[in-house]
Amino acid sequence: MTEINNDKNLSRIVLKGFKSIVSCDIELYKLNVLIGCNGAGKSNFISFFRMVQQLLEQNLQVFVSRQGGPDALLHFGRKVTEKLEFQLYLGNNRYLAELEPTQDNRLMFYRESFWLPTHSELNMGRGHFESQAVRTIGTVFESYVLPVIKQWRVYHFHDTSDSAYVKQPHGINDNAYLRPDARNLASFLYFLRDSHPASYQKIVKTIRLVAPFFGDFNLRPSPQNKDVIELEWFERGQDIPFKAHLLSDGTLRFICLATVFLQPDTLLPETILVDEPELGLHPYAITVLASLMRASSKQVIVSTQSVELLNEFDANDVIVVDRNEGKSSLHRLKQRDLESWLEDYSLGELWKKNIVGGRPSR
């Protein structure tokens, strides 16, 4: 367990009325592993970060519309929940917002405020439909905190079907950052190989730990269109390139995950969020993935259903998500409360035995 000691990481979240989360007040550390049964609310908690990022990009109403309107975001709709509230603590800085539904199916700011290290409040007023964060220009929040939140990435690599974006040709210049669904993986790796070769080699060597047959990537502009690149790779000892379609789903997902955690620190978001990264991974690949998470210099928030992944962490790293009568609750485990149990059982075994919660309940 490593507690937060800088203003670039989230140290606490207070959230009320968002989807299945009626009320939540949780401290966040450098490493945060969410466990819980299917439908408990882990993904709802992760999706909140997407909403905040879109909100501060002044895309709130687009996000609301794509989610199905405000009633899809408010806990059991506006008849049950009058408004959505949240407070984000980043060290000595704090951002607060309250959002109310309107008759034309938008969310309106009932309140929006920023607290700065000087303990002064910047009140953005009420009645607006997009964030007024732009009015913090010239403050610590605008120059230091706002860029951090806008960099949040919620990575989700579940789609490895034949039509998945990661397997399609992509613009070669789309390489400023790895996109959340890794659609620009080839162009991003192409950039890393040329501009950050040490990080690129770490990625390749780590992939070989999990997939010994893997030789290297074949990264080149498309012969038909120099502005486009497609993910290709070599099998070890061979010189004929293969397309991404010939990688197993688990291998392709691990390549995406290794790229996330082994890219240069200067390119990484301050908070990395990954939703159920274990899908399709061999147990050894899960062990390697956990070591990448523990070694990361950034804050990591991950949701999982994997006992193998859970066993790689300390109890203090774990946040349990339970759901009862349609309401999600979150609480962090404490190592000292489980010491006697952990002498005989692993953390994953305690989860399966329902000692720590996070299991289905009637």
Protein backbone atom coordinates (compact mmCIF):
# COMPACT_ATOMS: atom_id res chain seq x y z
CA MET A 1 0.00 0.00 0.00
CA THR A 2 1.30 3.43 -0.97
CA GLU A 3 -0.77 6.43 0.02
CA ILE A 4 -1.07 9.46 -2.25
CA ASN A 5 1.35 12.27 -1.46
CA ASN A 6 1.10 14.52 -4.52
CA ASP A 7 -1.48 16.72 -6.21
CA LYS A 8 -1.55 14.75 -9.46
CA ASN A 9 -3.26 11.65 -8.10
CA LEU A 10 -6.72 11.18 -6.70
CA SER A 11 -6.63 10.78 -2.93
CA ARG A 12 -10.39 10.63 -2.31
CA ILE A 13 -13.68 10.46 -4.20
CA VAL A 14 -17.11 11.33 -2.87
CA LEU A 15 -19.83 10.22 -5.28
CA LYS A 16 -23.62 10.26 -4.88
CA GLY A 17 -26.44 9.25 -7.18
CA PHE A 18 -24.41 7.85 -10.10
CA LYS A 19 -25.93 4.71 -11.62
CA SER A 20 -25.90 1.98 -8.94
CA ILE A 21 -23.75 4.08 -6.58
CA VAL A 22 -26.13 5.87 -4.20
CA SER A 23 -23.37 7.13 -1.92
CA CYS A 24 -19.64 6.48 -1.89
CA ASP A 25 -16.75 8.07 0.01
CA ILE A 26 -13.54 6.19 -0.68
CA GLU A 27 -9.85 6.95 -0.25
CA LEU A 28 -7.63 6.03 -3.18
CA TYR A 29 -4.01 4.90 -2.99
CA LYS A 30 -1.35 4.43 -5.63
CA LEU A 31 -2.71 0.94 -6.37
CA ASN A 32 -6.44 0.22 -6.25
CA VAL A 33 -7.93 -3.17 -7.19
CA LEU A 34 -11.72 -3.37 -7.35
CA ILE A 35 -13.33 -6.78 -6.84
CA GLY A 36 -16.98 -7.80 -6.74
CA CYS A 37 -19.56 -10.03 -8.34
CA ASN A 38 -21.04 -9.44 -11.78
CA GLY A 39 -23.26 -6.36 -11.70
CA ALA A 40 -21.94 -5.16 -8.35
CA GLY A 41 -20.99 -1.75 -9.72
CA LYS A 42 -17.26 -1.99 -10.51
CA SER A 43 -17.74 -0.89 -14.11
CA ASN A 44 -20.09 1.88 -12.99
CA PHE A 45 -17.34 3.24 -10.76
CA ILE A 46 -14.84 3.05 -13.63
CA SER A 47 -17.28 4.71 -16.05
CA PHE A 48 -17.57 7.69 -13.69
CA PHE A 49 -14.02 8.63 -14.66
CA ARG A 50 -15.05 8.69 -18.32
CA MET A 51 -17.87 11.06 -17.47
CA VAL A 52 -15.62 13.47 -15.55
CA GLN A 53 -13.07 13.52 -18.34
CA GLN A 54 -15.76 14.27 -20.93
CA LEU A 55 -17.30 16.85 -18.60
CA LEU A 56 -14.06 18.80 -18.33
CA GLU A 57 -13.58 18.55 -22.10
CA GLN A 58 -16.96 20.31 -22.37
CA ASN A 59 -18.55 17.20 -23.89
CA LEU A 60 -20.94 16.47 -21.02
CA GLN A 61 -24.15 16.65 -23.04
CA VAL A 62 -22.74 14.41 -25.77
CA PHE A 63 -21.74 11.89 -23.09
CA VAL A 64 -25.20 12.08 -21.47
CA SER A 65 -26.92 11.55 -24.82
CA ARG A 66 -24.75 8.56 -25.72
CA GLN A 67 -25.44 7.00 -22.32
CA GLY A 68 -29.19 7.18 -22.93
CA GLY A 69 -30.03 10.46 -21.20
CA PRO A 70 -29.80 11.63 -17.58
CA ASP A 71 -32.13 8.90 -16.26
CA ALA A 72 -29.57 6.30 -17.33
CA LEU A 73 -26.92 8.04 -15.21
CA LEU A 74 -28.98 8.91 -12.12
CA HIS A 75 -29.60 6.09 -9.64
CA PHE A 76 -32.95 4.61 -10.76
CA GLY A 77 -33.68 7.81 -12.68
CA ARG A 78 -34.81 11.28 -11.63
CA LYS A 79 -37.89 10.03 -9.76
CA VAL A 80 -35.57 8.41 -7.21
CA THR A 81 -32.45 10.57 -7.49
CA GLU A 82 -32.85 14.32 -7.88
CA LYS A 83 -29.21 15.09 -8.65
CA LEU A 84 -25.76 13.62 -9.19
CA GLU A 85 -23.00 14.90 -6.90
CA PHE A 86 -19.27 14.33 -6.74
CA GLN A 87 -16.14 15.69 -5.11
CA LEU A 88 -12.64 14.89 -6.34
CA TYR A 89 -9.66 15.40 -4.03
CA LEU A 90 -6.23 15.74 -5.63
CA GLY A 91 -3.89 16.51 -2.76
CA ASN A 92 -4.75 20.03 -1.60
CA ASN A 93 -7.00 20.68 -4.59
CA ARG A 94 -10.68 19.79 -4.80
CA TYR A 95 -13.29 19.83 -7.55
CA LEU A 96 -17.01 19.66 -6.73
CA ALA A 97 -20.03 19.47 -9.01
CA GLU A 98 -23.77 18.86 -8.65
CA LEU A 99 -25.80 18.02 -11.74
CA GLU A 100 -29.59 18.08 -12.15
CA PRO A 101 -31.71 16.62 -14.98
CA THR A 102 -33.75 18.96 -17.16
CA GLN A 103 -37.03 18.46 -18.99
CA ASP A 104 -35.21 18.31 -22.32
CA ASN A 105 -33.05 15.38 -21.10
CA ARG A 106 -29.83 17.19 -20.35
CA LEU A 107 -27.80 17.53 -17.18
CA MET A 108 -27.45 21.06 -15.85
CA PHE A 109 -24.89 22.28 -13.34
CA TYR A 110 -26.62 23.13 -10.07
CA ARG A 111 -23.20 23.86 -8.61
CA GLU A 112 -19.58 23.78 -9.77
CA SER A 113 -16.65 24.82 -7.57
CA PHE A 114 -12.90 24.48 -7.30
CA TRP A 115 -10.85 24.64 -4.10
CA LEU A 116 -7.20 25.62 -4.38
CA PRO A 117 -4.24 25.17 -1.97
CA THR A 118 -4.89 28.65 -0.59
CA HIS A 119 -8.26 27.29 0.60
CA SER A 120 -10.02 29.80 -1.60
CA GLU A 121 -13.13 28.68 -3.49
CA LEU A 122 -13.71 29.44 -7.15
CA ASN A 123 -17.48 29.22 -7.56
CA MET A 124 -18.48 28.74 -11.19
CA GLY A 125 -22.16 29.41 -10.48
CA ARG A 126 -25.14 27.39 -11.67
CA GLY A 127 -27.42 26.96 -14.65
CA HIS A 128 -24.74 26.13 -17.23
CA PHE A 129 -24.71 22.93 -19.29
CA GLU A 130 -20.98 22.54 -19.84
CA SER A 131 -18.15 22.92 -17.33
CA GLN A 132 -16.87 26.40 -16.66
CA ALA A 133 -13.38 25.08 -15.89
CA VAL A 134 -12.08 27.36 -18.64
CA ARG A 135 -12.68 30.24 -16.23
CA THR A 136 -9.89 28.94 -13.97
CA ILE A 137 -7.26 30.18 -16.46
CA GLY A 138 -4.22 31.47 -14.65
CA THR A 139 -4.86 29.45 -11.49
CA VAL A 140 -3.08 26.39 -10.12
CA PHE A 141 -6.13 24.31 -11.04
CA GLU A 142 -5.98 25.28 -14.71
CA SER A 143 -2.25 24.85 -15.09
CA TYR A 144 -1.66 21.87 -12.84
CA VAL A 145 -4.79 19.86 -12.01
CA LEU A 146 -7.04 20.23 -15.06
CA PRO A 147 -4.49 18.76 -17.52
CA VAL A 148 -4.06 15.76 -15.20
CA ILE A 149 -7.77 14.93 -15.17
CA LYS A 150 -8.09 15.44 -18.91
CA GLN A 151 -5.35 12.83 -19.39
CA TRP A 152 -7.27 10.09 -17.60
CA ARG A 153 -7.56 7.00 -19.76
CA VAL A 154 -9.99 4.16 -19.13
CA TYR A 155 -8.45 1.29 -21.07
CA HIS A 156 -10.74 -1.48 -22.25
CA PHE A 157 -9.33 -4.12 -24.60
CA HIS A 158 -12.14 -6.66 -24.70
CA ASP A 159 -12.94 -6.32 -28.41
CA THR A 160 -10.52 -8.54 -30.32
CA SER A 161 -13.02 -9.65 -32.99
CA ASP A 162 -12.15 -9.53 -36.68
CA SER A 163 -13.74 -6.08 -36.89
CA ALA A 164 -11.89 -4.69 -33.85
CA TYR A 165 -10.28 -1.32 -34.53
CA VAL A 166 -6.90 -2.55 -33.27
CA LYS A 167 -6.76 -4.98 -36.22
CA GLN A 168 -7.65 -2.39 -38.85
CA PRO A 169 -5.38 -0.01 -40.77
CA HIS A 170 -5.02 3.30 -38.93
CA GLY A 171 -3.57 6.76 -39.48
CA ILE A 172 0.17 6.64 -38.93
CA ASN A 173 0.30 10.07 -37.27
CA ASP A 174 -2.26 9.22 -34.57
CA ASN A 175 0.44 8.56 -32.00
CA ALA A 176 0.26 11.26 -29.31
CA TYR A 177 -1.09 8.69 -26.83
CA LEU A 178 -2.46 5.16 -26.84
CA ARG A 179 -6.20 5.35 -27.30
CA PRO A 180 -8.46 3.59 -24.76
CA ASP A 181 -9.37 0.75 -27.15
CA ALA A 182 -5.82 0.58 -28.62
CA ARG A 183 -7.13 1.33 -32.12
CA ASN A 184 -3.88 3.20 -32.83
CA LEU A 185 -1.60 0.51 -31.35
CA ALA A 186 0.44 0.11 -34.56
CA SER A 187 1.05 3.85 -35.01
CA PHE A 188 1.86 4.26 -31.30
CA LEU A 189 4.37 1.38 -31.34
CA TYR A 190 5.85 2.80 -34.55
CA PHE A 191 6.38 6.09 -32.70
CA LEU A 192 7.89 4.37 -29.65
CA ARG A 193 10.30 2.33 -31.77
CA ASP A 194 11.68 5.47 -33.39
CA SER A 195 11.48 7.95 -30.51
CA HIS A 196 11.66 5.79 -27.36
CA PRO A 197 13.59 2.65 -28.35
CA ALA A 198 14.34 1.60 -24.75
CA SER A 199 10.64 1.50 -23.87
CA TYR A 200 9.86 -0.25 -27.13
CA GLN A 201 12.39 -3.00 -26.38
CA LYS A 202 10.92 -3.48 -22.89
CA ILE A 203 7.52 -4.02 -24.46
CA VAL A 204 8.86 -6.59 -26.93
CA LYS A 205 10.82 -8.50 -24.27
CA THR A 206 7.85 -8.58 -21.91
CA ILE A 207 5.58 -9.91 -24.66
CA ARG A 208 8.08 -12.72 -25.23
CA LEU A 209 7.77 -13.74 -21.57
CA VAL A 210 4.11 -14.53 -22.18
CA ALA A 211 4.31 -15.51 -25.87
CA PRO A 212 7.77 -17.08 -26.50
CA PHE A 213 6.93 -17.53 -30.18
CA PHE A 214 6.75 -13.76 -30.67
CA GLY A 215 9.75 -12.23 -32.45
CA ASP A 216 9.04 -8.56 -33.07
CA PHE A 217 6.59 -6.18 -34.70
CA ASN A 218 6.79 -5.34 -38.37
CA LEU A 219 6.01 -1.63 -38.23
CA ARG A 220 5.98 0.17 -41.56
CA PRO A 221 3.75 2.53 -43.54
CA SER A 222 1.34 0.71 -45.80
CA PRO A 223 2.87 0.17 -49.28
CA GLN A 224 -0.46 1.36 -50.75
CA ASN A 225 -0.80 4.45 -48.55
CA LYS A 226 2.11 5.94 -46.61
CA ASP A 227 -0.28 7.73 -44.25
CA VAL A 228 -1.65 4.43 -42.94
CA ILE A 229 -0.16 1.66 -40.81
CA GLU A 230 -1.45 -1.79 -39.79
CA LEU A 231 -0.34 -4.03 -36.92
CA GLU A 232 1.95 -6.81 -38.17
CA TRP A 233 4.37 -9.13 -36.38
CA PHE A 234 7.04 -11.77 -36.97
CA GLU A 235 7.21 -15.20 -35.40
CA ARG A 236 10.58 -15.80 -33.79
CA GLY A 237 13.14 -17.01 -36.33
CA GLN A 238 10.89 -16.20 -39.30
CA ASP A 239 10.90 -13.32 -41.76
CA ILE A 240 7.33 -13.50 -43.06
CA PRO A 241 5.06 -10.94 -41.36
CA PHE A 242 1.66 -11.92 -40.00
CA LYS A 243 -1.39 -9.74 -39.47
CA ALA A 244 -2.91 -9.09 -36.05
CA HIS A 245 -5.74 -11.48 -36.95
CA LEU A 246 -3.30 -14.37 -36.42
CA LEU A 247 -2.62 -13.45 -32.81
CA SER A 248 -4.78 -15.14 -30.18
CA ASP A 249 -7.21 -12.89 -28.36
CA GLY A 250 -5.28 -13.24 -25.10
CA THR A 251 -1.94 -12.45 -26.74
CA LEU A 252 -3.31 -9.34 -28.44
CA ARG A 253 -4.84 -8.11 -25.19
CA PHE A 254 -1.57 -8.67 -23.35
CA ILE A 255 0.30 -6.71 -26.05
CA CYS A 256 -2.09 -3.80 -25.45
CA LEU A 257 -1.64 -4.02 -21.67
CA ALA A 258 2.15 -4.26 -21.88
CA THR A 259 2.17 -1.17 -24.10
CA VAL A 260 0.07 0.73 -21.55
CA PHE A 261 2.31 0.02 -18.58
CA LEU A 262 5.71 0.06 -20.31
CA GLN A 263 5.37 3.23 -22.36
CA PRO A 264 7.59 6.11 -21.19
CA ASP A 265 6.48 7.83 -17.99
CA THR A 266 6.28 11.12 -19.86
CA LEU A 267 3.47 9.70 -22.02
CA LEU A 268 1.54 7.93 -19.26
CA PRO A 269 -1.54 9.53 -17.71
CA GLU A 270 -1.17 10.20 -13.99
CA THR A 271 -4.04 7.80 -13.29
CA ILE A 272 -4.35 4.58 -15.31
CA LEU A 273 -7.73 2.84 -15.29
CA VAL A 274 -8.24 -0.65 -16.69
CA ASP A 275 -11.53 -2.56 -16.76
CA GLU A 276 -11.15 -6.36 -16.27
CA PRO A 277 -7.72 -6.75 -17.90
CA GLU A 278 -7.49 -10.48 -17.17
CA LEU A 279 -9.91 -11.53 -19.92
CA GLY A 280 -8.37 -14.36 -21.97
CA LEU A 281 -4.98 -14.27 -20.22
CA HIS A 282 -3.00 -17.33 -19.15
CA PRO A 283 -2.31 -17.43 -15.36
CA TYR A 284 1.37 -16.66 -15.98
CA ALA A 285 0.40 -13.66 -18.11
CA ILE A 286 -1.73 -12.45 -15.21
CA THR A 287 1.30 -12.73 -12.91
CA VAL A 288 3.40 -10.67 -15.32
CA LEU A 289 0.60 -8.12 -15.68
CA ALA A 290 0.35 -7.73 -11.91
CA SER A 291 4.09 -7.07 -11.69
CA LEU A 292 3.71 -4.31 -14.31
CA MET A 293 0.92 -2.74 -12.26
CA ARG A 294 2.92 -2.85 -9.04
CA ALA A 295 5.99 -1.39 -10.74
CA SER A 296 4.12 1.49 -12.37
CA SER A 297 5.14 4.97 -11.26
CA LYS A 298 1.55 6.16 -11.79
CA GLN A 299 -1.68 5.62 -9.92
CA VAL A 300 -3.49 2.47 -11.05
CA ILE A 301 -7.20 1.70 -10.68
CA VAL A 302 -8.28 -1.69 -12.00
CA SER A 303 -11.44 -3.76 -11.75
CA THR A 304 -11.19 -7.54 -11.88
CA GLN A 305 -13.02 -10.84 -11.53
CA SER A 306 -9.77 -12.81 -11.42
CA VAL A 307 -8.73 -14.73 -8.31
CA GLU A 308 -5.25 -15.15 -9.82
CA LEU A 309 -4.85 -11.39 -10.27
CA LEU A 310 -6.18 -10.66 -6.79
CA ASN A 311 -3.62 -13.04 -5.26
CA GLU A 312 -0.83 -10.82 -6.58
CA PHE A 313 -1.76 -7.88 -4.34
CA ASP A 314 -1.96 -6.97 -0.67
CA ALA A 315 -5.29 -6.64 1.10
CA ASN A 316 -4.71 -2.90 1.55
CA ASP A 317 -4.72 -2.51 -2.24
CA VAL A 318 -8.22 -3.97 -2.57
CA ILE A 319 -11.57 -2.20 -2.73
CA VAL A 320 -14.57 -4.51 -2.39
CA VAL A 321 -17.74 -3.63 -4.30
CA ASP A 322 -20.97 -5.17 -2.99
CA ARG A 323 -24.53 -4.64 -4.16
CA ASN A 324 -27.60 -4.93 -1.99
CA GLU A 325 -31.15 -3.93 -2.95
CA GLY A 326 -29.85 -2.23 -6.09
CA LYS A 327 -27.26 -0.12 -4.26
CA SER A 328 -23.51 -0.48 -4.70
CA SER A 329 -21.23 0.00 -1.70
CA LEU A 330 -17.44 0.28 -1.76
CA HIS A 331 -15.02 -0.33 1.09
CA ARG A 332 -11.27 -0.89 1.28
CA LEU A 333 -9.85 -3.99 2.92
CA LYS A 334 -7.36 -3.69 5.78
CA GLN A 335 -4.43 -6.08 5.97
CA ARG A 336 -4.40 -6.09 9.76
CA ASP A 337 -8.02 -7.30 9.91
CA LEU A 338 -7.16 -10.36 7.80
CA GLU A 339 -3.74 -11.32 9.16
CA SER A 340 -4.93 -14.46 10.94
CA TRP A 341 -6.84 -15.61 7.86
CA LEU A 342 -3.93 -14.88 5.51
CA GLU A 343 -1.68 -17.22 7.49
CA ASP A 344 -3.65 -20.15 6.05
CA TYR A 345 -5.38 -18.80 2.95
CA SER A 346 -4.59 -16.59 0.00
CA LEU A 347 -6.55 -13.40 -0.58
CA GLY A 348 -8.29 -15.02 -3.54
CA GLU A 349 -9.38 -17.97 -1.41
CA LEU A 350 -10.84 -15.60 1.16
CA TRP A 351 -12.78 -13.94 -1.64
CA LYS A 352 -14.15 -17.29 -2.81
CA LYS A 353 -15.10 -18.18 0.76
CA ASN A 354 -16.94 -14.86 1.07
CA ILE A 355 -14.78 -13.76 3.99
CA VAL A 356 -14.02 -10.38 2.42
CA GLY A 357 -17.32 -9.83 0.59
CA GLY A 358 -17.65 -9.19 -3.12
CA ARG A 359 -19.78 -12.29 -3.71
CA PRO A 360 -23.34 -12.54 -5.08
CA SER A 361 -26.02 -12.08 -2.42
CA ARG A 362 -29.78 -12.32 -2.49
